[in-house]
């Protein structure tokens, strides 16, 4: 895919969403329950869509919230539900709709005491804090909802259910919720008029207040070495990218006396201050060099002493579950590279037991495999989706779980669970801890890793596929792949199940000693995604990608 001609440039008026029109569509457009694109569908991170496409409208949220109410009853959950929202234009309307349904069902709802934005990790932290010491079937346990489409463009909305373990609900729960929500919509020809609601003026007082920010910020020393960061005088620049962490970074600086500057405290539902992503859209993707162009430029603006303004600069997406790390010597770090640095640093500086494992998704870089082997730790490789790390984080058997898309979390210093959802705030702070403890930047730490383990080249490309081909790809078995060679190297493994937990990959992964590729069908487009990596350079990576298309075509044709 070629870059948009204005990728990395600040958005122009014609790039901005009309927020009034977006909200009007939320309340006025009624979905067609027989149209697949207008049904409730939970992906890896909840139901997402735009009101302008009749994919995220009031009726969707009424039906989905009611389905969650019924699911809680099925599970015997009577405790509170923590409800948070991010800064997208559709988040507050959907948050208000959910409150109306939850109040009518007499669910105890806890909302932010300042009526402000709530990062996804703060909701996970709150659920786990409430449930600490409770049995898995204790009826008083809590769960939560985060109203967010994560890093998606401003026109989108999102609605995510976090189970009582604090993390993303598993596919069994989300399938149940989506199925029930669509039944409600179908029964009303797209409307959810059968669902009980109370007016917002009564629903809002029904909710109770919870200090999400104060509780989360005060607890940070249990998971990140803030004393080391403060003592070393690490200069931090934090850019919330107009997202839910906007208040949190200032509170972190003040509470823990850090040399931390909030680079841009502005919140604007059009995100007019953002630079356009690679495809010309506004997208709060803190792992994208185009979306992070402003922070990268700020970091390159050297002072009279020749120093960058910050020792570490960081960005978060709209719900703060992702992280982007910018260093003076390396610019914006590749997410896979920082995961490798984070893993090596944590397992060298935490007193976690020798059996505590490292978790990665199957499409994350193999540099992680080599780092984990060097640490003499067990690697837990799972399918795409952070939910697979939840059990290990809960019981402390997985010290770190990370995804190639810049999402990760890790245990507290004492080896107990911190969050079971991705936490971009602690990963951003960890970058400063790396600098404070090692005296070098995270980029320099990665360069050292490459000097010991090799320099991989990684990329993701898309290839066209019909709906039938995507379904066949998701259902492949290892025996469907007959190739014994990949880009000149013998195939060492063909995987359709994750080696870490035996769960289906929903695609396949083929490995050699120096390269691998994974192919997965897209959930939203008529394409399949090819992730590939080579330790033998860019030319070999291109050969791996070509070979991957041939292997997949052969398997589908078979």
Protein backbone atom coordinates (compact mmCIF):
# COMPACT_ATOMS: atom_id res chain seq x y z
CA UNK A 1 0.00 0.00 0.00
CA UNK A 2 1.45 3.35 -1.04
CA UNK A 3 1.40 6.25 1.38
CA UNK A 4 -1.26 8.94 1.14
CA UNK A 5 0.29 12.19 -0.22
CA UNK A 6 -0.50 13.99 3.06
CA UNK A 7 0.43 11.15 5.44
CA UNK A 8 2.17 12.64 8.47
CA UNK A 9 0.76 16.13 7.85
CA UNK A 10 -1.64 17.90 10.21
CA UNK A 11 -5.30 17.34 9.38
CA UNK A 12 -7.16 19.94 7.30
CA UNK A 13 -10.80 21.02 7.83
CA UNK A 14 -11.97 18.66 5.09
CA UNK A 15 -10.46 15.72 7.00
CA UNK A 16 -12.57 16.33 10.10
CA UNK A 17 -15.71 14.51 11.06
CA UNK A 18 -18.88 16.51 11.65
CA UNK A 19 -19.48 15.55 15.28
CA UNK A 20 -23.06 16.95 15.37
CA UNK A 21 -23.93 14.88 12.29
CA UNK A 22 -22.25 11.84 13.84
CA UNK A 23 -24.29 12.12 17.04
CA UNK A 24 -27.53 12.83 15.15
CA UNK A 25 -26.99 9.65 13.12
CA UNK A 26 -26.43 7.73 16.37
CA UNK A 27 -29.94 8.64 17.57
CA UNK A 28 -31.86 8.66 14.27
CA UNK A 29 -30.57 5.81 12.07
CA UNK A 30 -32.08 2.38 12.77
CA UNK A 31 -30.08 -0.74 11.83
CA UNK A 32 -31.39 -3.43 9.49
CA UNK A 33 -30.95 -6.64 11.54
CA UNK A 34 -30.78 -8.72 8.35
CA UNK A 35 -27.84 -6.70 7.00
CA UNK A 36 -24.61 -8.30 8.25
CA UNK A 37 -22.74 -4.98 8.36
CA UNK A 38 -25.43 -3.52 10.64
CA UNK A 39 -25.51 -6.32 13.19
CA UNK A 40 -23.78 -6.41 16.57
CA UNK A 41 -20.44 -8.19 16.09
CA UNK A 42 -17.72 -8.52 18.72
CA UNK A 43 -14.19 -8.68 17.32
CA UNK A 44 -11.04 -9.00 19.40
CA UNK A 45 -11.91 -5.71 21.15
CA UNK A 46 -15.68 -5.42 21.30
CA UNK A 47 -18.32 -4.12 18.89
CA UNK A 48 -17.09 -1.30 16.67
CA UNK A 49 -18.51 0.76 13.84
CA UNK A 50 -19.75 4.20 12.83
CA UNK A 51 -23.21 5.64 13.32
CA UNK A 52 -22.88 7.06 9.80
CA UNK A 53 -22.80 3.48 8.47
CA UNK A 54 -25.66 2.39 10.77
CA UNK A 55 -23.15 0.11 12.49
CA UNK A 56 -22.94 1.83 15.90
CA UNK A 57 -26.25 3.42 16.84
CA UNK A 58 -28.46 3.86 19.86
CA UNK A 59 -30.38 0.66 19.15
CA UNK A 60 -27.15 -1.37 19.00
CA UNK A 61 -26.10 -0.08 22.42
CA UNK A 62 -29.53 -0.60 24.00
CA UNK A 63 -29.62 -4.20 22.77
CA UNK A 64 -25.98 -4.94 23.64
CA UNK A 65 -26.28 -3.47 27.14
CA UNK A 66 -29.42 -5.50 27.75
CA UNK A 67 -27.60 -8.61 26.54
CA UNK A 68 -24.81 -7.87 29.04
CA UNK A 69 -27.41 -7.47 31.80
CA UNK A 70 -28.82 -10.90 30.93
CA UNK A 71 -25.35 -12.43 30.64
CA UNK A 72 -24.50 -11.17 34.13
CA UNK A 73 -27.64 -12.86 35.45
CA UNK A 74 -26.70 -16.09 33.69
CA UNK A 75 -23.28 -15.92 35.34
CA UNK A 76 -24.71 -15.07 38.76
CA UNK A 77 -22.96 -11.68 38.92
CA UNK A 78 -24.65 -9.23 41.29
CA UNK A 79 -21.69 -6.96 42.04
CA UNK A 80 -21.05 -3.52 40.56
CA UNK A 81 -20.28 -2.80 36.92
CA UNK A 82 -17.46 -0.30 36.27
CA UNK A 83 -18.37 1.91 33.29
CA UNK A 84 -15.75 4.00 31.48
CA UNK A 85 -15.54 5.94 28.23
CA UNK A 86 -12.90 7.52 26.03
CA UNK A 87 -12.91 10.80 24.07
CA UNK A 88 -14.50 9.69 20.77
CA UNK A 89 -17.57 11.67 19.74
CA UNK A 90 -19.83 8.61 19.97
CA UNK A 91 -18.53 7.50 23.36
CA UNK A 92 -20.54 9.82 25.59
CA UNK A 93 -23.88 9.17 23.83
CA UNK A 94 -23.28 5.40 24.04
CA UNK A 95 -22.18 5.74 27.69
CA UNK A 96 -25.43 7.59 28.46
CA UNK A 97 -27.53 4.97 26.65
CA UNK A 98 -25.84 2.17 28.57
CA UNK A 99 -26.52 3.95 31.86
CA UNK A 100 -30.23 4.19 31.01
CA UNK A 101 -30.47 0.44 30.44
CA UNK A 102 -28.28 -0.54 33.41
CA UNK A 103 -30.27 1.70 35.77
CA UNK A 104 -33.56 0.20 34.60
CA UNK A 105 -32.12 -3.26 35.34
CA UNK A 106 -31.06 -2.04 38.82
CA UNK A 107 -27.38 -2.79 38.14
CA UNK A 108 -25.01 -0.94 40.48
CA UNK A 109 -22.88 1.16 38.14
CA UNK A 110 -19.64 2.89 39.12
CA UNK A 111 -18.61 5.86 36.96
CA UNK A 112 -15.73 8.33 37.13
CA UNK A 113 -16.12 10.66 40.12
CA UNK A 114 -15.00 13.66 38.06
CA UNK A 115 -17.28 12.72 35.14
CA UNK A 116 -14.19 12.50 32.94
CA UNK A 117 -12.56 9.96 30.65
CA UNK A 118 -11.44 6.53 31.79
CA UNK A 119 -8.57 4.56 30.22
CA UNK A 120 -9.17 0.87 29.59
CA UNK A 121 -6.40 -0.17 32.02
CA UNK A 122 -7.99 1.90 34.80
CA UNK A 123 -11.24 -0.05 34.37
CA UNK A 124 -9.36 -3.36 34.46
CA UNK A 125 -7.46 -2.20 37.54
CA UNK A 126 -10.72 -1.23 39.26
CA UNK A 127 -12.39 -4.59 38.54
CA UNK A 128 -9.41 -6.55 39.85
CA UNK A 129 -9.15 -4.36 42.95
CA UNK A 130 -12.82 -4.95 43.78
CA UNK A 131 -12.58 -8.69 43.13
CA UNK A 132 -9.35 -9.28 45.04
CA UNK A 133 -9.82 -12.29 47.32
CA UNK A 134 -13.20 -13.24 45.86
CA UNK A 135 -13.86 -16.71 44.46
CA UNK A 136 -14.45 -17.06 40.71
CA UNK A 137 -18.13 -17.78 41.38
CA UNK A 138 -18.65 -15.16 44.10
CA UNK A 139 -21.90 -13.39 43.14
CA UNK A 140 -20.61 -10.03 44.44
CA UNK A 141 -17.76 -9.89 41.92
CA UNK A 142 -17.60 -6.95 39.54
CA UNK A 143 -17.19 -6.59 35.79
CA UNK A 144 -17.11 -3.64 33.41
CA UNK A 145 -17.79 -1.90 30.13
CA UNK A 146 -15.42 0.45 28.30
CA UNK A 147 -17.01 2.62 25.63
CA UNK A 148 -14.17 2.94 23.12
CA UNK A 149 -13.12 1.97 19.59
CA UNK A 150 -9.49 2.21 20.75
CA UNK A 151 -7.27 3.87 18.10
CA UNK A 152 -9.97 3.90 15.38
CA UNK A 153 -10.83 7.12 13.47
CA UNK A 154 -13.04 9.82 15.07
CA UNK A 155 -16.14 8.68 13.16
CA UNK A 156 -16.14 5.31 14.95
CA UNK A 157 -17.64 4.11 18.19
CA UNK A 158 -16.81 1.04 20.25
CA UNK A 159 -18.33 -0.96 23.12
CA UNK A 160 -16.22 -3.48 25.01
CA UNK A 161 -17.19 -5.87 27.82
CA UNK A 162 -14.59 -6.73 30.44
CA UNK A 163 -15.38 -9.84 32.44
CA UNK A 164 -14.93 -10.33 36.18
CA UNK A 165 -11.29 -11.33 35.61
CA UNK A 166 -10.73 -7.71 34.52
CA UNK A 167 -9.72 -8.49 30.95
CA UNK A 168 -11.47 -8.71 27.58
CA UNK A 169 -14.33 -11.19 27.68
CA UNK A 170 -13.59 -14.51 25.97
CA UNK A 171 -15.24 -15.60 22.73
CA UNK A 172 -17.83 -17.66 24.60
CA UNK A 173 -19.07 -14.57 26.42
CA UNK A 174 -18.90 -12.20 23.45
CA UNK A 175 -20.64 -14.69 21.15
CA UNK A 176 -23.46 -15.06 23.70
CA UNK A 177 -23.79 -11.28 24.09
CA UNK A 178 -23.73 -10.58 20.33
CA UNK A 179 -26.23 -13.34 19.59
CA UNK A 180 -28.66 -12.10 22.24
CA UNK A 181 -28.28 -8.45 21.15
CA UNK A 182 -29.08 -9.36 17.55
CA UNK A 183 -32.11 -11.38 18.71
CA UNK A 184 -33.40 -8.27 20.46
CA UNK A 185 -32.85 -6.15 17.34
CA UNK A 186 -34.40 -8.74 15.06
CA UNK A 187 -37.52 -9.01 17.23
CA UNK A 188 -38.03 -5.26 16.94
CA UNK A 189 -37.10 -4.88 13.25
CA UNK A 190 -33.94 -3.05 14.22
CA UNK A 191 -35.34 -1.36 17.30
CA UNK A 192 -34.84 -2.47 20.90
CA UNK A 193 -38.11 -1.04 22.21
CA UNK A 194 -38.70 -4.13 24.35
CA UNK A 195 -35.74 -3.20 26.55
CA UNK A 196 -36.54 -1.30 29.74
CA UNK A 197 -34.84 2.09 30.11
CA UNK A 198 -35.07 5.03 32.46
CA UNK A 199 -34.47 8.65 31.41
CA UNK A 200 -30.89 9.81 31.73
CA UNK A 201 -31.90 12.40 34.34
CA UNK A 202 -32.82 9.47 36.61
CA UNK A 203 -30.16 7.04 35.39
CA UNK A 204 -27.20 9.34 36.11
CA UNK A 205 -28.03 9.82 39.83
CA UNK A 206 -28.51 6.03 40.07
CA UNK A 207 -24.79 5.56 39.30
CA UNK A 208 -22.18 5.76 42.06
CA UNK A 209 -18.85 7.55 41.88
CA UNK A 210 -15.45 5.86 41.77
CA UNK A 211 -12.05 7.54 41.76
CA UNK A 212 -10.59 5.69 38.78
CA UNK A 213 -7.67 8.08 38.33
CA UNK A 214 -6.65 8.57 41.95
CA UNK A 215 -6.76 4.87 42.73
CA UNK A 216 -4.82 3.88 39.61
CA UNK A 217 -2.18 6.62 39.89
CA UNK A 218 -1.56 6.00 43.60
CA UNK A 219 -0.96 2.30 42.92
CA UNK A 220 1.63 2.78 40.15
CA UNK A 221 4.71 2.33 42.41
CA UNK A 222 3.68 -1.31 42.85
CA UNK A 223 4.28 -2.01 39.16
CA UNK A 224 6.89 0.50 37.89
CA UNK A 225 10.03 1.76 39.66
CA UNK A 226 9.04 5.41 39.85
CA UNK A 227 11.70 6.08 42.51
CA UNK A 228 14.41 5.17 39.99
CA UNK A 229 12.84 7.39 37.32
CA UNK A 230 12.61 10.33 39.71
CA UNK A 231 16.11 9.84 41.14
CA UNK A 232 17.66 9.65 37.67
CA UNK A 233 15.84 12.81 36.62
CA UNK A 234 14.50 11.24 33.44
CA UNK A 235 12.78 13.91 31.36
CA UNK A 236 9.50 12.54 30.00
CA UNK A 237 7.23 13.92 27.31
CA UNK A 238 3.78 12.32 27.35
CA UNK A 239 1.30 12.84 24.51
CA UNK A 240 -2.18 11.45 25.24
CA UNK A 241 -3.06 12.02 21.55
CA UNK A 242 -6.34 13.57 22.70
CA UNK A 243 -7.31 10.39 24.50
CA UNK A 244 -8.48 9.17 27.88
CA UNK A 245 -5.05 9.46 29.54
CA UNK A 246 -5.16 13.26 29.22
CA UNK A 247 -5.76 13.87 32.96
CA UNK A 248 -3.74 10.87 34.12
CA UNK A 249 -0.34 12.03 32.91
CA UNK A 250 -0.58 15.32 34.77
CA UNK A 251 -1.69 13.48 37.90
CA UNK A 252 1.22 11.03 37.56
CA UNK A 253 3.69 13.90 37.29
CA UNK A 254 2.27 15.70 40.32
CA UNK A 255 1.66 12.69 42.56
CA UNK A 256 5.04 11.05 41.95
CA UNK A 257 7.09 14.23 41.41
CA UNK A 258 8.38 13.26 37.98
CA UNK A 259 9.97 15.56 35.40
CA UNK A 260 7.06 14.96 33.05
CA UNK A 261 5.51 17.30 30.50
CA UNK A 262 2.08 16.67 29.01
CA UNK A 263 2.93 17.56 25.43
CA UNK A 264 -0.63 18.16 24.28
CA UNK A 265 -3.46 18.34 26.84
CA UNK A 266 -6.10 19.15 24.22
CA UNK A 267 -9.24 17.03 23.78
CA UNK A 268 -11.26 17.53 20.60
CA UNK A 269 -13.62 14.92 19.18
CA UNK A 270 -12.54 15.85 15.64
CA UNK A 271 -8.84 15.35 16.52
CA UNK A 272 -7.95 18.36 14.37
CA UNK A 273 -4.44 18.45 15.90
CA UNK A 274 -3.55 14.95 14.67
CA UNK A 275 -1.33 14.19 11.71
CA UNK A 276 -2.85 11.87 9.11
CA UNK A 277 -2.02 8.18 9.19
CA UNK A 278 -0.48 6.31 6.28
CA UNK A 279 -3.83 5.99 4.46
CA UNK A 280 -4.79 9.64 4.92
CA UNK A 281 -7.20 9.01 7.79
CA UNK A 282 -7.07 10.44 11.28
CA UNK A 283 -6.20 7.52 13.50
CA UNK A 284 -4.83 7.65 17.04
CA UNK A 285 -2.34 4.86 16.44
CA UNK A 286 0.65 5.54 18.68
CA UNK A 287 2.68 2.86 16.87
CA UNK A 288 2.32 4.64 13.50
CA UNK A 289 5.17 6.96 12.45
CA UNK A 290 2.65 9.01 10.46
CA UNK A 291 0.16 9.45 13.32
CA UNK A 292 3.05 10.19 15.69
CA UNK A 293 4.72 12.70 13.36
CA UNK A 294 4.15 15.69 15.67
CA UNK A 295 5.76 14.02 18.67
CA UNK A 296 8.63 12.75 16.53
CA UNK A 297 9.23 16.29 15.25
CA UNK A 298 9.07 17.68 18.78
CA UNK A 299 11.68 15.15 19.86
CA UNK A 300 14.03 16.20 17.04
CA UNK A 301 13.86 19.88 18.00
CA UNK A 302 17.19 20.11 19.80
CA UNK A 303 17.90 22.82 22.35
CA UNK A 304 20.92 25.16 22.47
CA UNK A 305 22.83 22.44 24.33
CA UNK A 306 22.22 20.00 21.50
CA UNK A 307 19.94 17.86 23.63
CA UNK A 308 16.47 16.63 22.75
CA UNK A 309 13.66 18.12 24.87
CA UNK A 310 12.99 14.74 26.52
CA UNK A 311 14.95 11.61 27.35
CA UNK A 312 11.85 9.55 26.52
CA UNK A 313 8.65 10.63 24.79
CA UNK A 314 5.51 8.51 24.73
CA UNK A 315 2.11 8.40 23.12
CA UNK A 316 -1.11 6.54 23.89
CA UNK A 317 -4.15 5.77 21.79
CA UNK A 318 -7.63 7.03 22.68
CA UNK A 319 -8.33 4.49 25.44
CA UNK A 320 -4.67 4.25 26.53
CA UNK A 321 -4.31 0.52 26.06
CA UNK A 322 -1.48 0.98 23.53
CA UNK A 323 1.91 2.66 23.80
CA UNK A 324 4.34 4.38 21.47
CA UNK A 325 7.94 5.05 22.50
CA UNK A 326 10.05 7.82 20.96
CA UNK A 327 13.74 8.19 21.83
CA UNK A 328 16.30 10.88 20.93
CA UNK A 329 18.61 8.39 19.23
CA UNK A 330 16.12 6.04 17.61
CA UNK A 331 12.93 7.97 16.92
CA UNK A 332 9.65 6.00 17.14
CA UNK A 333 10.47 2.46 18.14
CA UNK A 334 8.98 -0.49 16.29
CA UNK A 335 6.47 -2.06 18.73
CA UNK A 336 8.12 -5.49 18.46
CA UNK A 337 11.48 -3.95 19.33
CA UNK A 338 10.20 -2.31 22.49
CA UNK A 339 8.43 -5.52 23.57
CA UNK A 340 11.80 -7.29 23.39
CA UNK A 341 13.44 -4.52 25.45
CA UNK A 342 10.62 -4.55 28.00
CA UNK A 343 10.84 -8.32 28.45
CA UNK A 344 14.60 -8.38 28.90
CA UNK A 345 14.52 -5.46 31.34
CA UNK A 346 11.64 -6.79 33.44
CA UNK A 347 12.97 -10.31 33.84
CA UNK A 348 16.39 -8.95 34.79
CA UNK A 349 15.01 -6.46 37.33
CA UNK A 350 12.06 -8.25 38.95
CA UNK A 351 12.23 -11.06 41.49
CA UNK A 352 9.60 -13.17 39.79
CA UNK A 353 9.92 -16.93 40.22
CA UNK A 354 11.89 -19.05 37.74
CA UNK A 355 8.71 -20.61 36.35
CA UNK A 356 7.08 -17.29 35.40
CA UNK A 357 6.62 -17.28 31.62
CA UNK A 358 6.65 -14.67 28.83
CA UNK A 359 3.54 -14.39 26.66
CA UNK A 360 3.47 -13.29 23.01
CA UNK A 361 1.02 -13.59 20.15
CA UNK A 362 1.92 -15.76 17.17
CA UNK A 363 2.42 -12.71 14.92
CA UNK A 364 4.87 -10.97 17.26
CA UNK A 365 8.56 -10.92 16.32
CA UNK A 366 10.76 -13.95 16.80
CA UNK A 367 13.38 -11.67 18.35
CA UNK A 368 11.20 -12.17 21.44
CA UNK A 369 11.68 -15.94 21.19
CA UNK A 370 15.45 -15.44 21.16
CA UNK A 371 15.39 -13.01 24.09
CA UNK A 372 13.22 -15.40 26.11
CA UNK A 373 15.55 -18.30 25.34
CA UNK A 374 18.49 -16.16 26.45
CA UNK A 375 16.68 -15.49 29.73
CA UNK A 376 16.07 -19.24 30.11
CA UNK A 377 12.35 -18.57 30.44
CA UNK A 378 9.33 -20.41 29.10
CA UNK A 379 7.63 -18.82 26.07
CA UNK A 380 3.84 -18.89 25.88
CA UNK A 381 2.83 -18.30 22.24
CA UNK A 382 -0.93 -17.74 21.78
CA UNK A 383 -3.35 -16.67 19.03
CA UNK A 384 -4.03 -13.00 18.30
CA UNK A 385 -6.00 -11.37 21.11
CA UNK A 386 -4.98 -10.16 24.55
CA UNK A 387 -7.66 -12.32 26.19
CA UNK A 388 -5.33 -15.33 25.90
CA UNK A 389 -2.94 -13.82 28.47
CA UNK A 390 -5.63 -13.25 31.09
CA UNK A 391 -5.43 -16.59 32.99
CA UNK A 392 -1.63 -16.39 33.32
CA UNK A 393 -1.67 -12.77 34.44
CA UNK A 394 -4.37 -13.53 37.01
CA UNK A 395 -2.52 -16.43 38.63
CA UNK A 396 0.95 -14.91 38.18
CA UNK A 397 2.27 -17.65 35.89
CA UNK A 398 2.78 -15.16 33.03
CA UNK A 399 4.93 -12.16 33.94
CA UNK A 400 4.45 -10.29 30.68
CA UNK A 401 1.95 -10.54 27.84
CA UNK A 402 2.39 -8.52 24.67
CA UNK A 403 1.05 -8.07 21.15
CA UNK A 404 2.84 -6.80 18.05
CA UNK A 405 0.26 -3.99 17.84
CA UNK A 406 1.85 -2.18 20.82
CA UNK A 407 -0.38 -3.62 23.53
CA UNK A 408 0.98 -5.25 26.67
CA UNK A 409 0.77 -5.55 30.44
CA UNK A 410 2.88 -7.13 33.15
CA UNK A 411 2.80 -8.19 36.79
CA UNK A 412 3.40 -6.04 39.83
CA UNK A 413 6.86 -6.12 41.38
CA UNK A 414 5.65 -8.72 43.90
CA UNK A 415 4.46 -11.04 41.11
CA UNK A 416 0.72 -10.42 41.51
CA UNK A 417 -1.68 -9.21 38.83
CA UNK A 418 -1.78 -5.52 37.88
CA UNK A 419 -4.19 -5.42 34.93
CA UNK A 420 -5.56 -8.10 32.66
CA UNK A 421 -6.10 -5.71 29.79
CA UNK A 422 -3.46 -3.88 27.80
CA UNK A 423 -1.93 -0.94 29.66
CA UNK A 424 -0.22 1.70 27.56
CA UNK A 425 0.50 3.88 30.57
CA UNK A 426 2.73 1.42 32.46
CA UNK A 427 4.52 0.42 29.24
CA UNK A 428 5.26 4.09 28.58
CA UNK A 429 6.55 4.52 32.13
CA UNK A 430 8.61 1.35 31.76
CA UNK A 431 10.52 3.01 28.92
CA UNK A 432 11.61 5.66 31.39
CA UNK A 433 12.50 2.98 33.94
CA UNK A 434 14.74 1.33 31.33
CA UNK A 435 16.53 4.65 30.82
CA UNK A 436 16.80 5.32 34.55
CA UNK A 437 18.18 1.89 35.44
CA UNK A 438 20.45 1.28 32.45
CA UNK A 439 21.52 4.83 31.71
CA UNK A 440 20.73 4.22 28.04
CA UNK A 441 17.67 4.73 25.88
CA UNK A 442 15.30 1.87 25.01
CA UNK A 443 16.57 2.21 21.41
CA UNK A 444 20.13 1.61 22.57
CA UNK A 445 18.91 -1.36 24.61
CA UNK A 446 17.34 -2.82 21.47
CA UNK A 447 20.51 -2.27 19.46
CA UNK A 448 22.32 -4.35 22.07
CA UNK A 449 19.69 -7.09 21.73
CA UNK A 450 20.18 -7.13 17.93
CA UNK A 451 23.95 -7.37 18.36
CA UNK A 452 23.43 -10.59 20.32
CA UNK A 453 20.44 -12.20 18.60
CA UNK A 454 20.34 -10.87 15.04
CA UNK A 455 18.38 -8.15 13.22
CA UNK A 456 14.97 -9.30 11.97
CA UNK A 457 12.96 -7.53 9.25
CA UNK A 458 9.20 -7.63 9.82
CA UNK A 459 6.18 -6.57 7.75
CA UNK A 460 2.47 -7.12 7.26
CA UNK A 461 0.76 -7.11 3.88
CA UNK A 462 -2.77 -7.92 2.70
CA UNK A 463 -3.88 -10.24 -0.10
CA UNK A 464 -7.38 -10.47 -1.62
CA UNK A 465 -9.68 -13.29 -0.50
CA UNK A 466 -13.38 -14.02 -0.89
CA UNK A 467 -15.59 -14.71 2.12
CA UNK A 468 -15.47 -18.43 1.27
CA UNK A 469 -11.67 -18.39 1.03
CA UNK A 470 -11.40 -16.58 4.35
CA UNK A 471 -13.61 -19.19 6.00
CA UNK A 472 -11.48 -21.97 4.51
CA UNK A 473 -8.27 -20.28 5.68
CA UNK A 474 -9.61 -20.03 9.22
CA UNK A 475 -10.42 -23.74 9.19
CA UNK A 476 -7.15 -25.07 7.72
CA UNK A 477 -5.34 -27.99 9.32
CA UNK A 478 -1.59 -28.55 9.21
CA UNK A 479 -2.08 -31.41 6.75
CA UNK A 480 -3.52 -28.96 4.20
CA UNK A 481 -0.05 -27.42 3.81
CA UNK A 482 2.24 -29.61 1.71
CA UNK A 483 5.17 -27.19 1.30
CA UNK A 484 8.46 -28.45 2.72
CA UNK A 485 10.47 -25.33 1.87
CA UNK A 486 9.95 -21.60 2.43
CA UNK A 487 12.09 -19.06 0.56
CA UNK A 488 14.99 -21.49 0.29
CA UNK A 489 14.90 -22.84 3.85
CA UNK A 490 13.41 -26.11 5.13
CA UNK A 491 10.07 -25.74 6.91
CA UNK A 492 10.47 -26.52 10.62
CA UNK A 493 6.80 -26.25 11.65
CA UNK A 494 3.31 -25.75 10.24
CA UNK A 495 0.95 -24.50 12.93
CA UNK A 496 -2.81 -24.09 12.97
CA UNK A 497 -2.96 -24.22 16.77
CA UNK A 498 -0.98 -22.07 19.18
CA UNK A 499 1.90 -23.97 20.80
CA UNK A 500 1.35 -22.12 24.08
CA UNK A 501 -2.24 -23.19 24.75
CA UNK A 502 -3.45 -25.36 21.86
CA UNK A 503 -6.07 -22.79 20.81
CA UNK A 504 -6.96 -22.51 17.12
CA UNK A 505 -5.07 -19.76 15.30
CA UNK A 506 -7.89 -19.04 12.87
CA UNK A 507 -5.26 -19.33 10.13
CA UNK A 508 -1.79 -20.80 9.89
CA UNK A 509 1.85 -20.10 10.69
CA UNK A 510 4.81 -21.62 8.84
CA UNK A 511 8.31 -21.37 10.33
CA UNK A 512 11.91 -22.00 9.31
CA UNK A 513 15.11 -21.48 11.26
CA UNK A 514 15.50 -17.88 10.05
CA UNK A 515 12.01 -16.80 8.98
CA UNK A 516 8.27 -17.32 9.39
CA UNK A 517 4.94 -16.15 8.06
CA UNK A 518 1.43 -16.22 9.45
CA UNK A 519 -1.77 -15.81 7.45
CA UNK A 520 -5.10 -14.82 9.00
CA UNK A 521 -8.40 -13.76 7.42
CA UNK A 522 -9.52 -10.17 8.03
CA UNK A 523 -12.69 -9.82 10.06
CA UNK A 524 -13.80 -6.66 8.23
CA UNK A 525 -12.45 -6.80 4.66
CA UNK A 526 -12.24 -9.32 1.82
CA UNK A 527 -8.53 -9.87 2.37
CA UNK A 528 -6.25 -12.04 4.40
CA UNK A 529 -3.31 -10.65 6.33
CA UNK A 530 0.21 -11.98 5.87
CA UNK A 531 2.61 -11.29 8.72
CA UNK A 532 6.19 -12.23 7.88
CA UNK A 533 9.66 -11.89 9.31
CA UNK A 534 13.18 -12.77 8.23
CA UNK A 535 16.53 -12.65 9.98
CA UNK A 536 18.23 -12.62 6.54
CA UNK A 537 17.31 -9.12 5.37
CA UNK A 538 14.67 -7.27 3.28
CA UNK A 539 15.22 -9.26 0.07
CA UNK A 540 14.67 -12.53 1.87
CA UNK A 541 11.59 -11.08 3.57
CA UNK A 542 10.11 -10.30 0.14
CA UNK A 543 10.81 -13.91 -0.89
CA UNK A 544 9.07 -15.13 2.26
CA UNK A 545 6.02 -12.99 1.47
CA UNK A 546 5.87 -14.31 -2.12
CA UNK A 547 6.25 -17.87 -0.87
CA UNK A 548 3.53 -17.24 1.72
CA UNK A 549 1.03 -16.29 -0.98
CA UNK A 550 1.89 -19.46 -2.88
CA UNK A 551 1.56 -21.66 0.22
CA UNK A 552 -1.80 -20.14 1.15
CA UNK A 553 -3.09 -20.35 -2.44
CA UNK A 554 -2.04 -23.99 -2.59
CA UNK A 555 -3.72 -24.82 0.69
CA UNK A 556 -6.94 -23.07 -0.29
CA UNK A 557 -6.92 -24.66 -3.73
CA UNK A 558 -6.45 -28.05 -2.12
